Amino acid sequence: MPEPIGELARGPVAEFHLEEIGPAIYNKAIADAQARLLGRVSDLNAELYRRRISILDSAREQTQESAVIDGNPNPVPDPLLDSSAPPGLF
C-alpha cells in the first residue's frame, strides 16, 4: 500500500506538476479549443454561403418572372454572369 504524502512533500510535487506538466496540458487544451472553433467558423461560413446562393437564386427567379409578366420576352441580364453589368449590384 502506498505511503501517504505529507504536507511538506506535497508542495514540491504540486509545484513540479504546475511548472513541468501544466504548460503542456494548457497548450493541448488551447489547441483543441482552437480546432473546435475553427471547425465551427468553417461550418458557419458554409451555411452563410448556402444562404447567399439561395437568396441570389430566388432574386434571379423573381427578376426573370417579372420580366415575362411585364411582357418583355427578353430575360433581364444576370449581373453575376454578365460582365457588361455595372459593378456593385450584388
Protein backbone atom coordinates (compact mmCIF):
# COMPACT_ATOMS: atom_id res chain seq x y z
CA MET A 1 0.00 0.00 0.00
CA PRO A 2 1.43 3.41 -0.95
CA GLU A 3 2.51 5.69 1.82
CA PRO A 4 0.54 8.97 2.09
CA ILE A 5 2.36 12.16 1.14
CA GLY A 6 2.85 14.64 3.94
CA GLU A 7 2.27 18.39 3.73
CA LEU A 8 5.98 19.14 3.23
CA ALA A 9 6.40 16.65 0.38
CA ARG A 10 3.15 17.64 -1.34
CA GLY A 11 4.35 21.20 -2.09
CA PRO A 12 7.29 20.27 -4.33
CA VAL A 13 5.26 17.60 -6.15
CA ALA A 14 2.45 20.05 -6.89
CA GLU A 15 4.97 22.71 -7.93
CA PHE A 16 6.67 20.25 -10.27
CA HIS A 17 3.34 19.42 -11.93
CA LEU A 18 2.43 23.08 -12.33
CA GLU A 19 5.82 24.04 -13.79
CA GLU A 20 6.65 20.99 -15.93
CA ILE A 21 3.40 19.32 -16.91
CA GLY A 22 0.95 22.23 -16.66
CA PRO A 23 2.10 24.15 -19.76
CA ALA A 24 1.85 21.04 -21.96
CA ILE A 25 -1.68 20.34 -20.78
CA TYR A 26 -2.63 24.01 -21.19
CA ASN A 27 -1.19 24.17 -24.72
CA LYS A 28 -3.05 20.98 -25.69
CA ALA A 29 -6.31 22.42 -24.33
CA ILE A 30 -5.78 25.65 -26.29
CA ALA A 31 -5.03 23.71 -29.48
CA ASP A 32 -8.17 21.59 -29.01
CA ALA A 33 -10.32 24.67 -28.41
CA GLN A 34 -8.83 26.42 -31.44
CA ALA A 35 -9.50 23.42 -33.69
CA ARG A 36 -13.09 23.24 -32.47
CA LEU A 37 -13.67 26.96 -33.01
CA LEU A 38 -12.15 26.85 -36.49
CA GLY A 39 -14.46 23.96 -37.36
CA ARG A 40 -17.48 25.90 -36.12
CA VAL A 41 -16.46 29.03 -38.06
CA SER A 42 -15.98 26.93 -41.18
CA ASP A 43 -19.47 25.47 -40.74
CA LEU A 44 -20.83 28.99 -40.30
CA ASN A 45 -19.09 30.21 -43.47
CA ALA A 46 -20.53 27.30 -45.44
CA GLU A 47 -24.05 27.98 -44.12
CA LEU A 48 -23.82 31.69 -44.94
CA TYR A 49 -22.59 30.86 -48.45
CA ARG A 50 -25.51 28.44 -48.99
CA ARG A 51 -27.97 31.08 -47.80
CA ARG A 52 -26.42 33.74 -50.05
CA ILE A 53 -26.68 31.44 -53.07
CA SER A 54 -30.30 30.65 -52.16
CA ILE A 55 -31.16 34.36 -51.90
CA LEU A 56 -29.44 35.12 -55.21
CA ASP A 57 -31.24 32.24 -56.95
CA SER A 58 -34.57 33.46 -55.58
CA ALA A 59 -33.85 37.03 -56.73
CA ARG A 60 -32.94 35.76 -60.22
CA GLU A 61 -36.16 33.77 -60.47
CA GLN A 62 -38.24 36.76 -59.38
CA THR A 63 -36.45 39.03 -61.85
CA GLN A 64 -36.97 36.58 -64.71
CA GLU A 65 -40.64 36.11 -63.78
CA SER A 66 -41.30 39.85 -63.55
CA ALA A 67 -39.68 40.41 -66.97
CA VAL A 68 -42.01 37.87 -68.58
CA ILE A 69 -45.04 39.21 -66.70
CA ASP A 70 -44.34 42.74 -67.94
CA GLY A 71 -44.47 41.40 -71.49
CA ASN A 72 -40.73 41.59 -72.09
CA PRO A 73 -39.75 38.30 -73.74
CA ASN A 74 -36.03 39.02 -73.28
CA PRO A 75 -34.77 37.98 -69.86
CA VAL A 76 -33.04 40.52 -67.67
CA PRO A 77 -29.25 40.01 -67.79
CA ASP A 78 -27.80 38.34 -64.74
CA PRO A 79 -25.26 40.75 -63.18
CA LEU A 80 -23.30 37.84 -61.77
CA LEU A 81 -22.89 36.22 -65.18
CA ASP A 82 -22.95 39.28 -67.46
CA SER A 83 -19.58 41.03 -67.50
CA SER A 84 -21.12 44.18 -69.01
CA ALA A 85 -23.36 44.74 -65.97
CA PRO A 86 -22.31 47.65 -63.74
CA PRO A 87 -20.31 46.57 -60.69
CA GLY A 88 -21.78 46.65 -57.23
CA LEU A 89 -25.27 45.38 -57.98
CA PHE A 90 -24.87 42.32 -55.78
